[in-house]
PDB file of N, CA and C in Angstrom:
ATOM      1  N   GLN A   1      85.716 181.102  37.806  1.00  0.00           N
ATOM      2  CA  GLN A   1      85.201 181.445  39.190  1.00  0.00           C
ATOM      3  C   GLN A   1      86.424 181.468  40.171  1.00  0.00           C
ATOM      4  N   VAL A   2      86.570 182.535  40.902  1.00  0.00           N
ATOM      5  CA  VAL A   2      87.667 182.744  41.771  1.00  0.00           C
ATOM      6  C   VAL A   2      87.295 182.002  43.039  1.00  0.00           C
ATOM      7  N   LEU A   3      88.173 181.267  43.568  1.00  0.00           N
ATOM      8  CA  LEU A   3      88.106 180.510  44.853  1.00  0.00           C
ATOM      9  C   LEU A   3      89.234 180.709  45.685  1.00  0.00           C
ATOM     10  N   LEU A   4      89.004 181.135  46.984  1.00  0.00           N
ATOM     11  CA  LEU A   4      90.031 181.243  48.006  1.00  0.00           C
ATOM     12  C   LEU A   4      89.675 180.249  49.109  1.00  0.00           C
ATOM     13  N   THR A   5      90.574 179.324  49.412  1.00  0.00           N
ATOM     14  CA  THR A   5      90.244 178.308  50.398  1.00  0.00           C
ATOM     15  C   THR A   5      91.294 178.318  51.446  1.00  0.00           C
ATOM     16  N   GLU A   6      90.818 178.575  52.687  1.00  0.00           N
ATOM     17  CA  GLU A   6      91.667 178.631  53.906  1.00  0.00           C
ATOM     18  C   GLU A   6      91.836 177.199  54.455  1.00  0.00           C
ATOM     19  N   SER A   7      92.941 176.983  55.141  1.00  0.00           N
ATOM     20  CA  SER A   7      93.104 175.682  55.835  1.00  0.00           C
ATOM     21  C   SER A   7      94.071 175.856  56.867  1.00  0.00           C
ATOM     22  N   GLY A   8      94.208 174.906  57.815  1.00  0.00           N
ATOM     23  CA  GLY A   8      95.203 175.017  58.831  1.00  0.00           C
ATOM     24  C   GLY A   8      94.779 175.340  60.230  1.00  0.00           C
ATOM     25  N   GLY A   9      93.436 175.862  60.316  1.00  0.00           N
ATOM     26  CA  GLY A   9      92.938 176.234  61.573  1.00  0.00           C
ATOM     27  C   GLY A   9      92.805 175.028  62.471  1.00  0.00           C
ATOM     28  N   GLY A  10      92.443 175.273  63.721  1.00  0.00           N
ATOM     29  CA  GLY A  10      92.201 174.181  64.653  1.00  0.00           C
ATOM     30  C   GLY A  10      92.182 174.678  66.126  1.00  0.00           C
ATOM     31  N   LEU A  11      92.119 173.727  66.979  1.00  0.00           N
ATOM     32  CA  LEU A  11      92.183 174.011  68.457  1.00  0.00           C
ATOM     33  C   LEU A  11      93.580 173.795  69.069  1.00  0.00           C
ATOM     34  N   VAL A  12      94.054 174.826  69.636  1.00  0.00           N
ATOM     35  CA  VAL A  12      95.507 174.707  70.157  1.00  0.00           C
ATOM     36  C   VAL A  12      95.513 175.400  71.461  1.00  0.00           C
ATOM     37  N   GLN A  13      96.614 175.194  72.176  1.00  0.00           N
ATOM     38  CA  GLN A  13      96.853 175.720  73.582  1.00  0.00           C
ATOM     39  C   GLN A  13      97.553 177.155  73.504  1.00  0.00           C
ATOM     40  N   ALA A  14      97.402 177.963  74.496  1.00  0.00           N
ATOM     41  CA  ALA A  14      98.114 179.239  74.522  1.00  0.00           C
ATOM     42  C   ALA A  14      99.748 179.003  74.407  1.00  0.00           C
ATOM     43  N   GLY A  15     100.375 179.703  73.522  1.00  0.00           N
ATOM     44  CA  GLY A  15     101.722 179.530  73.264  1.00  0.00           C
ATOM     45  C   GLY A  15     102.119 178.705  72.154  1.00  0.00           C
ATOM     46  N   ASP A  16     101.084 177.942  71.623  1.00  0.00           N
ATOM     47  CA  ASP A  16     101.396 177.017  70.404  1.00  0.00           C
ATOM     48  C   ASP A  16     101.371 177.971  69.115  1.00  0.00           C
ATOM     49  N   SER A  17     101.747 177.233  68.041  1.00  0.00           N
ATOM     50  CA  SER A  17     101.801 177.855  66.767  1.00  0.00           C
ATOM     51  C   SER A  17     100.885 177.196  65.727  1.00  0.00           C
ATOM     52  N   LEU A  18     100.488 177.969  64.717  1.00  0.00           N
ATOM     53  CA  LEU A  18      99.662 177.448  63.673  1.00  0.00           C
ATOM     54  C   LEU A  18     100.138 178.089  62.349  1.00  0.00           C
ATOM     55  N   ARG A  19     100.013 177.404  61.282  1.00  0.00           N
ATOM     56  CA  ARG A  19     100.277 177.930  59.989  1.00  0.00           C
ATOM     57  C   ARG A  19      98.945 177.740  59.069  1.00  0.00           C
ATOM     58  N   LEU A  20      98.400 178.916  58.820  1.00  0.00           N
ATOM     59  CA  LEU A  20      97.220 179.042  57.884  1.00  0.00           C
ATOM     60  C   LEU A  20      97.648 179.067  56.532  1.00  0.00           C
ATOM     61  N   SER A  21      96.924 178.426  55.573  1.00  0.00           N
ATOM     62  CA  SER A  21      97.121 178.593  54.130  1.00  0.00           C
ATOM     63  C   SER A  21      95.933 179.057  53.490  1.00  0.00           C
ATOM     64  N   CYS A  22      96.164 179.685  52.380  1.00  0.00           N
ATOM     65  CA  CYS A  22      95.010 180.189  51.603  1.00  0.00           C
ATOM     66  C   CYS A  22      95.310 179.829  50.122  1.00  0.00           C
ATOM     67  N   ALA A  23      94.658 178.813  49.617  1.00  0.00           N
ATOM     68  CA  ALA A  23      94.983 178.438  48.178  1.00  0.00           C
ATOM     69  C   ALA A  23      93.988 179.168  47.202  1.00  0.00           C
ATOM     70  N   ALA A  24      94.573 179.722  46.228  1.00  0.00           N
ATOM     71  CA  ALA A  24      93.749 180.523  45.248  1.00  0.00           C
ATOM     72  C   ALA A  24      93.597 179.773  43.910  1.00  0.00           C
ATOM     73  N   SER A  25      92.533 180.019  43.289  1.00  0.00           N
ATOM     74  CA  SER A  25      92.309 179.479  41.982  1.00  0.00           C
ATOM     75  C   SER A  25      91.283 180.436  41.243  1.00  0.00           C
ATOM     76  N   GLY A  26      91.434 180.409  39.940  1.00  0.00           N
ATOM     77  CA  GLY A  26      90.522 181.224  39.080  1.00  0.00           C
ATOM     78  C   GLY A  26      90.888 182.661  38.930  1.00  0.00           C
ATOM     79  N   LEU A  27      92.174 182.972  39.340  1.00  0.00           N
ATOM     80  CA  LEU A  27      92.759 184.247  39.139  1.00  0.00           C
ATOM     81  C   LEU A  27      94.241 184.144  38.877  1.00  0.00           C
ATOM     82  N   ILE A  28      94.767 185.301  38.464  1.00  0.00           N
ATOM     83  CA  ILE A  28      96.173 185.312  38.257  1.00  0.00           C
ATOM     84  C   ILE A  28      96.750 185.752  39.571  1.00  0.00           C
ATOM     85  N   PHE A  29      97.193 184.832  40.327  1.00  0.00           N
ATOM     86  CA  PHE A  29      97.502 185.050  41.755  1.00  0.00           C
ATOM     87  C   PHE A  29      98.554 186.219  41.938  1.00  0.00           C
ATOM     88  N   GLY A  30      99.551 186.174  40.977  1.00  0.00           N
ATOM     89  CA  GLY A  30     100.617 187.231  41.129  1.00  0.00           C
ATOM     90  C   GLY A  30     100.157 188.583  40.897  1.00  0.00           C
ATOM     91  N   ASN A  31      98.980 188.752  40.433  1.00  0.00           N
ATOM     92  CA  ASN A  31      98.359 190.137  40.159  1.00  0.00           C
ATOM     93  C   ASN A  31      97.513 190.665  41.335  1.00  0.00           C
ATOM     94  N   TYR A  32      97.584 189.893  42.498  1.00  0.00           N
ATOM     95  CA  TYR A  32      96.728 190.270  43.562  1.00  0.00           C
ATOM     96  C   TYR A  32      97.515 190.430  44.857  1.00  0.00           C
ATOM     97  N   ALA A  33      97.139 191.428  45.625  1.00  0.00           N
ATOM     98  CA  ALA A  33      97.647 191.540  47.005  1.00  0.00           C
ATOM     99  C   ALA A  33      96.826 190.662  47.802  1.00  0.00           C
ATOM    100  N   MET A  34      97.295 190.092  48.816  1.00  0.00           N
ATOM    101  CA  MET A  34      96.702 189.137  49.728  1.00  0.00           C
ATOM    102  C   MET A  34      96.574 189.703  51.164  1.00  0.00           C
ATOM    103  N   ALA A  35      95.573 189.468  51.847  1.00  0.00           N
ATOM    104  CA  ALA A  35      95.380 189.931  53.216  1.00  0.00           C
ATOM    105  C   ALA A  35      94.718 188.826  54.034  1.00  0.00           C
ATOM    106  N   TRP A  36      94.925 188.920  55.334  1.00  0.00           N
ATOM    107  CA  TRP A  36      94.299 188.097  56.294  1.00  0.00           C
ATOM    108  C   TRP A  36      93.528 188.977  57.297  1.00  0.00           C
ATOM    109  N   PHE A  37      92.272 188.638  57.561  1.00  0.00           N
ATOM    110  CA  PHE A  37      91.462 189.240  58.506  1.00  0.00           C
ATOM    111  C   PHE A  37      90.856 188.148  59.513  1.00  0.00           C
ATOM    112  N   ARG A  38      90.400 188.630  60.544  1.00  0.00           N
ATOM    113  CA  ARG A  38      89.783 187.680  61.448  1.00  0.00           C
ATOM    114  C   ARG A  38      88.565 188.319  62.059  1.00  0.00           C
ATOM    115  N   GLN A  39      87.596 187.458  62.566  1.00  0.00           N
ATOM    116  CA  GLN A  39      86.346 187.924  63.026  1.00  0.00           C
ATOM    117  C   GLN A  39      85.782 187.024  64.121  1.00  0.00           C
ATOM    118  N   THR A  40      85.287 187.663  65.268  1.00  0.00           N
ATOM    119  CA  THR A  40      84.695 186.906  66.298  1.00  0.00           C
ATOM    120  C   THR A  40      83.243 187.325  66.292  1.00  0.00           C
ATOM    121  N   PRO A  41      82.435 186.505  66.818  1.00  0.00           N
ATOM    122  CA  PRO A  41      80.927 186.853  66.867  1.00  0.00           C
ATOM    123  C   PRO A  41      80.568 188.160  67.446  1.00  0.00           C
ATOM    124  N   GLY A  42      79.858 188.994  66.681  1.00  0.00           N
ATOM    125  CA  GLY A  42      79.380 190.226  67.274  1.00  0.00           C
ATOM    126  C   GLY A  42      80.314 191.342  67.013  1.00  0.00           C
ATOM    127  N   LYS A  43      81.493 191.110  66.536  1.00  0.00           N
ATOM    128  CA  LYS A  43      82.479 192.182  66.313  1.00  0.00           C
ATOM    129  C   LYS A  43      82.833 192.332  64.791  1.00  0.00           C
ATOM    130  N   ALA A  44      83.331 193.460  64.431  1.00  0.00           N
ATOM    131  CA  ALA A  44      83.686 193.785  63.085  1.00  0.00           C
ATOM    132  C   ALA A  44      84.926 192.933  62.756  1.00  0.00           C
ATOM    133  N   ARG A  45      85.051 192.779  61.354  1.00  0.00           N
ATOM    134  CA  ARG A  45      86.198 192.059  60.815  1.00  0.00           C
ATOM    135  C   ARG A  45      87.458 192.845  61.241  1.00  0.00           C
ATOM    136  N   GLU A  46      88.479 192.211  61.690  1.00  0.00           N
ATOM    137  CA  GLU A  46      89.706 192.856  62.083  1.00  0.00           C
ATOM    138  C   GLU A  46      90.902 192.518  61.161  1.00  0.00           C
ATOM    139  N   PHE A  47      91.544 193.492  60.631  1.00  0.00           N
ATOM    140  CA  PHE A  47      92.807 193.329  59.819  1.00  0.00           C
ATOM    141  C   PHE A  47      93.914 192.635  60.592  1.00  0.00           C
ATOM    142  N   VAL A  48      94.578 191.621  59.933  1.00  0.00           N
ATOM    143  CA  VAL A  48      95.617 190.901  60.614  1.00  0.00           C
ATOM    144  C   VAL A  48      96.976 191.128  59.821  1.00  0.00           C
ATOM    145  N   ALA A  49      96.933 190.984  58.499  1.00  0.00           N
ATOM    146  CA  ALA A  49      98.221 191.106  57.734  1.00  0.00           C
ATOM    147  C   ALA A  49      97.943 191.238  56.289  1.00  0.00           C
ATOM    148  N   PHE A  50      98.979 191.896  55.657  1.00  0.00           N
ATOM    149  CA  PHE A  50      98.909 192.269  54.295  1.00  0.00           C
ATOM    150  C   PHE A  50     100.125 191.853  53.642  1.00  0.00           C
ATOM    151  N   ILE A  51     100.117 191.323  52.434  1.00  0.00           N
ATOM    152  CA  ILE A  51     101.327 191.192  51.619  1.00  0.00           C
ATOM    153  C   ILE A  51     101.045 191.579  50.103  1.00  0.00           C
ATOM    154  N   SER A  52     101.939 192.272  49.605  1.00  0.00           N
ATOM    155  CA  SER A  52     101.775 192.769  48.185  1.00  0.00           C
ATOM    156  C   SER A  52     101.907 191.665  47.174  1.00  0.00           C
ATOM    157  N   TRP A  53     101.631 191.940  45.948  1.00  0.00           N
ATOM    158  CA  TRP A  53     101.673 190.923  44.898  1.00  0.00           C
ATOM    159  C   TRP A  53     103.115 190.430  44.667  1.00  0.00           C
ATOM    160  N   SER A  54     104.078 191.303  44.704  1.00  0.00           N
ATOM    161  CA  SER A  54     105.495 190.901  44.697  1.00  0.00           C
ATOM    162  C   SER A  54     105.780 190.938  46.223  1.00  0.00           C
ATOM    163  N   PRO A  55     106.211 189.825  46.737  1.00  0.00           N
ATOM    164  CA  PRO A  55     106.145 189.753  48.264  1.00  0.00           C
ATOM    165  C   PRO A  55     107.220 190.588  48.948  1.00  0.00           C
ATOM    166  N   SER A  56     107.316 191.868  48.642  1.00  0.00           N
ATOM    167  CA  SER A  56     108.307 192.640  49.278  1.00  0.00           C
ATOM    168  C   SER A  56     107.710 193.641  50.312  1.00  0.00           C
ATOM    169  N   ILE A  57     106.423 193.812  50.301  1.00  0.00           N
ATOM    170  CA  ILE A  57     105.770 194.693  51.230  1.00  0.00           C
ATOM    171  C   ILE A  57     104.791 193.938  52.089  1.00  0.00           C
ATOM    172  N   THR A  58     104.824 194.176  53.326  1.00  0.00           N
ATOM    173  CA  THR A  58     104.017 193.625  54.323  1.00  0.00           C
ATOM    174  C   THR A  58     103.549 194.551  55.390  1.00  0.00           C
ATOM    175  N   TYR A  59     102.406 194.381  55.823  1.00  0.00           N
ATOM    176  CA  TYR A  59     101.778 195.219  56.901  1.00  0.00           C
ATOM    177  C   TYR A  59     101.202 194.297  57.952  1.00  0.00           C
ATOM    178  N   TYR A  60     101.125 194.736  59.184  1.00  0.00           N
ATOM    179  CA  TYR A  60     100.517 193.914  60.137  1.00  0.00           C
ATOM    180  C   TYR A  60      99.573 194.745  61.144  1.00  0.00           C
ATOM    181  N   GLY A  61      98.464 194.134  61.528  1.00  0.00           N
ATOM    182  CA  GLY A  61      97.788 194.691  62.476  1.00  0.00           C
ATOM    183  C   GLY A  61      98.453 194.775  63.812  1.00  0.00           C
ATOM    184  N   ASP A  62      98.014 195.539  64.742  1.00  0.00           N
ATOM    185  CA  ASP A  62      98.757 195.577  66.050  1.00  0.00           C
ATOM    186  C   ASP A  62      98.712 194.229  66.762  1.00  0.00           C
ATOM    187  N   SER A  63      97.658 193.544  66.658  1.00  0.00           N
ATOM    188  CA  SER A  63      97.569 192.237  67.365  1.00  0.00           C
ATOM    189  C   SER A  63      98.584 191.199  66.738  1.00  0.00           C
ATOM    190  N   ALA A  64      98.999 191.396  65.518  1.00  0.00           N
ATOM    191  CA  ALA A  64      99.831 190.434  64.756  1.00  0.00           C
ATOM    192  C   ALA A  64     101.343 190.729  64.932  1.00  0.00           C
ATOM    193  N   LYS A  65     101.621 192.006  65.201  1.00  0.00           N
ATOM    194  CA  LYS A  65     103.076 192.397  65.115  1.00  0.00           C
ATOM    195  C   LYS A  65     103.920 191.544  65.978  1.00  0.00           C
ATOM    196  N   GLU A  66     105.079 191.117  65.521  1.00  0.00           N
ATOM    197  CA  GLU A  66     106.021 190.264  66.229  1.00  0.00           C
ATOM    198  C   GLU A  66     105.653 188.919  66.598  1.00  0.00           C
ATOM    199  N   ARG A  67     104.407 188.510  66.224  1.00  0.00           N
ATOM    200  CA  ARG A  67     104.014 187.079  66.441  1.00  0.00           C
ATOM    201  C   ARG A  67     103.632 186.437  65.161  1.00  0.00           C
ATOM    202  N   PHE A  68     103.160 187.194  64.233  1.00  0.00           N
ATOM    203  CA  PHE A  68     102.545 186.550  62.977  1.00  0.00           C
ATOM    204  C   PHE A  68     103.478 186.933  61.835  1.00  0.00           C
ATOM    205  N   THR A  69     103.593 186.063  60.836  1.00  0.00           N
ATOM    206  CA  THR A  69     104.307 186.370  59.640  1.00  0.00           C
ATOM    207  C   THR A  69     103.503 185.962  58.417  1.00  0.00           C
ATOM    208  N   VAL A  70     103.254 186.881  57.597  1.00  0.00           N
ATOM    209  CA  VAL A  70     102.611 186.624  56.313  1.00  0.00           C
ATOM    210  C   VAL A  70     103.528 186.384  55.183  1.00  0.00           C
ATOM    211  N   SER A  71     103.156 185.402  54.282  1.00  0.00           N
ATOM    212  CA  SER A  71     104.068 185.117  53.082  1.00  0.00           C
ATOM    213  C   SER A  71     103.145 184.612  51.999  1.00  0.00           C
ATOM    214  N   ARG A  72     103.825 184.396  50.896  1.00  0.00           N
ATOM    215  CA  ARG A  72     103.110 183.874  49.756  1.00  0.00           C
ATOM    216  C   ARG A  72     104.124 183.145  48.739  1.00  0.00           C
ATOM    217  N   ASP A  73     103.470 182.199  48.058  1.00  0.00           N
ATOM    218  CA  ASP A  73     104.321 181.560  47.097  1.00  0.00           C
ATOM    219  C   ASP A  73     103.524 181.618  45.856  1.00  0.00           C
ATOM    220  N   ASN A  74     103.920 182.481  44.913  1.00  0.00           N
ATOM    221  CA  ASN A  74     103.147 182.762  43.739  1.00  0.00           C
ATOM    222  C   ASN A  74     103.216 181.525  42.857  1.00  0.00           C
ATOM    223  N   THR A  75     104.189 180.704  42.885  1.00  0.00           N
ATOM    224  CA  THR A  75     104.248 179.425  42.109  1.00  0.00           C
ATOM    225  C   THR A  75     103.183 178.440  42.501  1.00  0.00           C
ATOM    226  N   LYS A  76     102.755 178.528  43.718  1.00  0.00           N
ATOM    227  CA  LYS A  76     101.726 177.634  44.221  1.00  0.00           C
ATOM    228  C   LYS A  76     100.351 178.374  44.390  1.00  0.00           C
ATOM    229  N   ALA A  77     100.369 179.655  44.041  1.00  0.00           N
ATOM    230  CA  ALA A  77      99.194 180.283  44.228  1.00  0.00           C
ATOM    231  C   ALA A  77      98.523 180.203  45.604  1.00  0.00           C
ATOM    232  N   THR A  78      99.428 180.444  46.574  1.00  0.00           N
ATOM    233  CA  THR A  78      99.129 180.197  47.999  1.00  0.00           C
ATOM    234  C   THR A  78      99.660 181.296  48.823  1.00  0.00           C
ATOM    235  N   ALA A  79      98.811 181.785  49.743  1.00  0.00           N
ATOM    236  CA  ALA A  79      99.334 182.713  50.823  1.00  0.00           C
ATOM    237  C   ALA A  79      99.312 182.013  52.127  1.00  0.00           C
ATOM    238  N   TYR A  80     100.214 182.519  53.096  1.00  0.00           N
ATOM    239  CA  TYR A  80     100.299 181.804  54.337  1.00  0.00           C
ATOM    240  C   TYR A  80     100.346 182.753  55.485  1.00  0.00           C
ATOM    241  N   LEU A  81      99.813 182.349  56.602  1.00  0.00           N
ATOM    242  CA  LEU A  81      99.932 183.149  57.853  1.00  0.00           C
ATOM    243  C   LEU A  81     100.489 182.289  58.924  1.00  0.00           C
ATOM    244  N   GLU A  82     101.708 182.548  59.274  1.00  0.00           N
ATOM    245  CA  GLU A  82     102.355 181.735  60.359  1.00  0.00           C
ATOM    246  C   GLU A  82     102.107 182.495  61.655  1.00  0.00           C
ATOM    247  N   MET A  83     101.469 181.838  62.677  1.00  0.00           N
ATOM    248  CA  MET A  83     101.108 182.460  63.873  1.00  0.00           C
ATOM    249  C   MET A  83     101.774 181.831  65.078  1.00  0.00           C
ATOM    250  N   ASN A  84     102.516 182.561  65.832  1.00  0.00           N
ATOM    251  CA  ASN A  84     103.315 181.960  66.923  1.00  0.00           C
ATOM    252  C   ASN A  84     102.888 182.571  68.159  1.00  0.00           C
ATOM    253  N   ASP A  85     103.214 181.911  69.265  1.00  0.00           N
ATOM    254  CA  ASP A  85     102.762 182.346  70.632  1.00  0.00           C
ATOM    255  C   ASP A  85     101.272 182.763  70.689  1.00  0.00           C
ATOM    256  N   LEU A  86     100.431 181.894  70.245  1.00  0.00           N
ATOM    257  CA  LEU A  86      99.081 182.194  70.126  1.00  0.00           C
ATOM    258  C   LEU A  86      98.494 182.430  71.617  1.00  0.00           C
ATOM    259  N   LYS A  87      97.506 183.293  71.600  1.00  0.00           N
ATOM    260  CA  LYS A  87      96.828 183.668  72.826  1.00  0.00           C
ATOM    261  C   LYS A  87      95.343 183.475  72.687  1.00  0.00           C
ATOM    262  N   PRO A  88      94.616 183.291  73.894  1.00  0.00           N
ATOM    263  CA  PRO A  88      93.216 183.025  73.764  1.00  0.00           C
ATOM    264  C   PRO A  88      92.434 184.151  72.934  1.00  0.00           C
ATOM    265  N   GLU A  89      92.927 185.391  72.982  1.00  0.00           N
ATOM    266  CA  GLU A  89      92.340 186.381  72.300  1.00  0.00           C
ATOM    267  C   GLU A  89      92.536 186.326  70.786  1.00  0.00           C
ATOM    268  N   ASP A  90      93.374 185.447  70.356  1.00  0.00           N
ATOM    269  CA  ASP A  90      93.480 185.201  68.934  1.00  0.00           C
ATOM    270  C   ASP A  90      92.404 184.344  68.275  1.00  0.00           C
ATOM    271  N   THR A  91      91.558 183.824  69.197  1.00  0.00           N
ATOM    272  CA  THR A  91      90.432 182.955  68.762  1.00  0.00           C
ATOM    273  C   THR A  91      89.539 183.748  67.901  1.00  0.00           C
ATOM    274  N   ALA A  92      89.323 183.197  66.704  1.00  0.00           N
ATOM    275  CA  ALA A  92      88.492 183.890  65.693  1.00  0.00           C
ATOM    276  C   ALA A  92      88.396 182.906  64.450  1.00  0.00           C
ATOM    277  N   VAL A  93      87.532 183.406  63.463  1.00  0.00           N
ATOM    278  CA  VAL A  93      87.581 182.791  62.152  1.00  0.00           C
ATOM    279  C   VAL A  93      88.535 183.686  61.331  1.00  0.00           C
ATOM    280  N   TYR A  94      89.444 183.074  60.738  1.00  0.00           N
ATOM    281  CA  TYR A  94      90.428 183.752  59.961  1.00  0.00           C
ATOM    282  C   TYR A  94      90.032 183.674  58.474  1.00  0.00           C
ATOM    283  N   TYR A  95      90.096 184.726  57.853  1.00  0.00           N
ATOM    284  CA  TYR A  95      89.673 184.835  56.401  1.00  0.00           C
ATOM    285  C   TYR A  95      90.928 185.357  55.583  1.00  0.00           C
ATOM    286  N   CYS A  96      91.097 184.835  54.360  1.00  0.00           N
ATOM    287  CA  CYS A  96      92.049 185.381  53.465  1.00  0.00           C
ATOM    288  C   CYS A  96      91.162 186.178  52.385  1.00  0.00           C
ATOM    289  N   ALA A  97      91.896 187.191  51.794  1.00  0.00           N
ATOM    290  CA  ALA A  97      91.238 188.047  50.848  1.00  0.00           C
ATOM    291  C   ALA A  97      92.236 188.459  49.771  1.00  0.00           C
ATOM    292  N   ALA A  98      91.690 188.650  48.562  1.00  0.00           N
ATOM    293  CA  ALA A  98      92.597 189.150  47.431  1.00  0.00           C
ATOM    294  C   ALA A  98      92.121 190.381  46.944  1.00  0.00           C
ATOM    295  N   GLY A  99      93.095 191.244  46.673  1.00  0.00           N
ATOM    296  CA  GLY A  99      92.784 192.528  46.084  1.00  0.00           C
ATOM    297  C   GLY A  99      93.669 192.950  44.896  1.00  0.00           C
ATOM    298  N   SER A 100      93.012 193.561  43.933  1.00  0.00           N
ATOM    299  CA  SER A 100      93.590 193.842  42.700  1.00  0.00           C
ATOM    300  C   SER A 100      94.876 194.745  42.853  1.00  0.00           C
ATOM    301  N   MET A 101      95.900 194.388  42.032  1.00  0.00           N
ATOM    302  CA  MET A 101      97.156 195.167  42.128  1.00  0.00           C
ATOM    303  C   MET A 101      96.994 196.583  41.535  1.00  0.00           C
ATOM    304  N   LEU A 102      95.755 196.825  40.896  1.00  0.00           N
ATOM    305  CA  LEU A 102      95.596 198.119  40.345  1.00  0.00           C
ATOM    306  C   LEU A 102      95.229 199.133  41.297  1.00  0.00           C
ATOM    307  N   ARG A 103      94.953 198.693  42.532  1.00  0.00           N
ATOM    308  CA  ARG A 103      94.756 199.765  43.676  1.00  0.00           C
ATOM    309  C   ARG A 103      96.026 200.030  44.449  1.00  0.00           C
ATOM    310  N   SER A 104      95.924 201.164  45.101  1.00  0.00           N
ATOM    311  CA  SER A 104      96.983 201.531  46.029  1.00  0.00           C
ATOM    312  C   SER A 104      96.556 201.001  47.370  1.00  0.00           C
ATOM    313  N   TYR A 105      97.508 200.468  48.034  1.00  0.00           N
ATOM    314  CA  TYR A 105      97.245 199.909  49.399  1.00  0.00           C
ATOM    315  C   TYR A 105      97.957 200.696  50.530  1.00  0.00           C
ATOM    316  N   THR A 106      98.754 201.657  50.132  1.00  0.00           N
ATOM    317  CA  THR A 106      99.661 202.294  51.049  1.00  0.00           C
ATOM    318  C   THR A 106      99.038 202.728  52.312  1.00  0.00           C
ATOM    319  N   THR A 107      97.873 203.397  52.170  1.00  0.00           N
ATOM    320  CA  THR A 107      97.194 203.960  53.218  1.00  0.00           C
ATOM    321  C   THR A 107      95.859 203.188  53.760  1.00  0.00           C
ATOM    322  N   ASN A 108      95.453 202.197  53.021  1.00  0.00           N
ATOM    323  CA  ASN A 108      94.261 201.593  53.314  1.00  0.00           C
ATOM    324  C   ASN A 108      94.283 200.085  53.209  1.00  0.00           C
ATOM    325  N   TYR A 109      95.371 199.507  53.410  1.00  0.00           N
ATOM    326  CA  TYR A 109      95.524 198.070  53.324  1.00  0.00           C
ATOM    327  C   TYR A 109      94.711 197.298  54.351  1.00  0.00           C
ATOM    328  N   PHE A 110      94.327 198.167  55.389  1.00  0.00           N
ATOM    329  CA  PHE A 110      93.649 197.421  56.568  1.00  0.00           C
ATOM    330  C   PHE A 110      92.121 197.369  56.267  1.00  0.00           C
ATOM    331  N   SER A 111      91.664 198.073  55.310  1.00  0.00           N
ATOM    332  CA  SER A 111      90.204 198.131  55.012  1.00  0.00           C
ATOM    333  C   SER A 111      89.692 196.976  54.204  1.00  0.00           C
ATOM    334  N   ASP A 112      88.645 196.349  54.703  1.00  0.00           N
ATOM    335  CA  ASP A 112      88.144 195.168  53.960  1.00  0.00           C
ATOM    336  C   ASP A 112      87.502 195.536  52.639  1.00  0.00           C
ATOM    337  N   ARG A 113      87.184 196.760  52.602  1.00  0.00           N
ATOM    338  CA  ARG A 113      86.630 197.235  51.182  1.00  0.00           C
ATOM    339  C   ARG A 113      87.579 197.250  49.970  1.00  0.00           C
ATOM    340  N   GLN A 114      88.944 197.109  50.321  1.00  0.00           N
ATOM    341  CA  GLN A 114      89.970 197.065  49.326  1.00  0.00           C
ATOM    342  C   GLN A 114      90.042 195.747  48.660  1.00  0.00           C
ATOM    343  N   TYR A 115      89.347 194.743  49.098  1.00  0.00           N
ATOM    344  CA  TYR A 115      89.631 193.305  48.581  1.00  0.00           C
ATOM    345  C   TYR A 115      88.417 192.933  47.826  1.00  0.00           C
ATOM    346  N   ASP A 116      88.717 192.205  46.718  1.00  0.00           N
ATOM    347  CA  ASP A 116      87.674 191.770  45.747  1.00  0.00           C
ATOM    348  C   ASP A 116      87.146 190.445  46.045  1.00  0.00           C
ATOM    349  N   PHE A 117      87.898 189.576  46.600  1.00  0.00           N
ATOM    350  CA  PHE A 117      87.534 188.115  46.761  1.00  0.00           C
ATOM    351  C   PHE A 117      87.942 187.668  48.208  1.00  0.00           C
ATOM    352  N   TRP A 118      86.997 186.839  48.766  1.00  0.00           N
ATOM    353  CA  TRP A 118      87.191 186.321  50.090  1.00  0.00           C
ATOM    354  C   TRP A 118      87.028 184.861  50.159  1.00  0.00           C
ATOM    355  N   GLY A 119      87.722 184.246  51.127  1.00  0.00           N
ATOM    356  CA  GLY A 119      87.534 182.778  51.380  1.00  0.00           C
ATOM    357  C   GLY A 119      86.408 182.645  52.377  1.00  0.00           C
ATOM    358  N   ARG A 120      86.139 181.437  52.756  1.00  0.00           N
ATOM    359  CA  ARG A 120      85.056 181.136  53.673  1.00  0.00           C
ATOM    360  C   ARG A 120      85.553 181.111  55.101  1.00  0.00           C
ATOM    361  N   GLY A 121      86.736 181.131  55.364  1.00  0.00           N
ATOM    362  CA  GLY A 121      87.222 181.167  56.653  1.00  0.00           C
ATOM    363  C   GLY A 121      87.703 179.911  57.290  1.00  0.00           C
ATOM    364  N   THR A 122      88.597 179.884  58.235  1.00  0.00           N
ATOM    365  CA  THR A 122      88.969 178.723  58.996  1.00  0.00           C
ATOM    366  C   THR A 122      89.023 179.091  60.535  1.00  0.00           C
ATOM    367  N   GLN A 123      88.454 178.299  61.248  1.00  0.00           N
ATOM    368  CA  GLN A 123      88.370 178.619  62.721  1.00  0.00           C
ATOM    369  C   GLN A 123      89.729 178.333  63.462  1.00  0.00           C
ATOM    370  N   VAL A 124      90.077 179.314  64.197  1.00  0.00           N
ATOM    371  CA  VAL A 124      91.253 179.180  65.076  1.00  0.00           C
ATOM    372  C   VAL A 124      90.735 179.321  66.404  1.00  0.00           C
ATOM    373  N   SER A 125      91.011 178.384  67.358  1.00  0.00           N
ATOM    374  CA  SER A 125      90.623 178.424  68.754  1.00  0.00           C
ATOM    375  C   SER A 125      91.739 178.141  69.671  1.00  0.00           C
ATOM    376  N   VAL A 126      91.957 179.107  70.603  1.00  0.00           N
ATOM    377  CA  VAL A 126      93.152 178.952  71.464  1.00  0.00           C
ATOM    378  C   VAL A 126      92.677 178.833  72.858  1.00  0.00           C
ATOM    379  N   SER A 127      93.052 177.873  73.537  1.00  0.00           N
ATOM    380  CA  SER A 127      92.634 177.610  74.916  1.00  0.00           C
ATOM    381  C   SER A 127      93.781 178.141  75.824  1.00  0.00           C
ATOM    382  N   SER A 128      93.264 178.549  76.989  1.00  0.00           N
ATOM    383  CA  SER A 128      94.331 179.069  78.042  1.00  0.00           C
ATOM    384  C   SER A 128      94.873 178.003  78.958  1.00  0.00           C
TER     385      SER A 128
END
């Protein structure tokens, strides 16, 4: 059974930083691309960041560029999302997702349909 477990969310003030973690089990972690999405009530899931299975390729959504950094440690089967200079509009539930390396992600890394497994999410709340 594949399990993705996010952690590290919480309530912070604008300008603060958080580091989210996504621990994976039940899969060969190094064979999966990882991505972070976020969602607020009543809105579609929004792409945040992507990292390839060998951590040399990363992509970011517009809201994450220059403030967020995605990384992974294949030895720990864990992906990370470092978020700096947080803003109230970053408030959302953050999800990690894993997608098979057999797919091409060059043009559609931002689509949630590319990913096979999802975590249950961690809440990030940013106060002004």
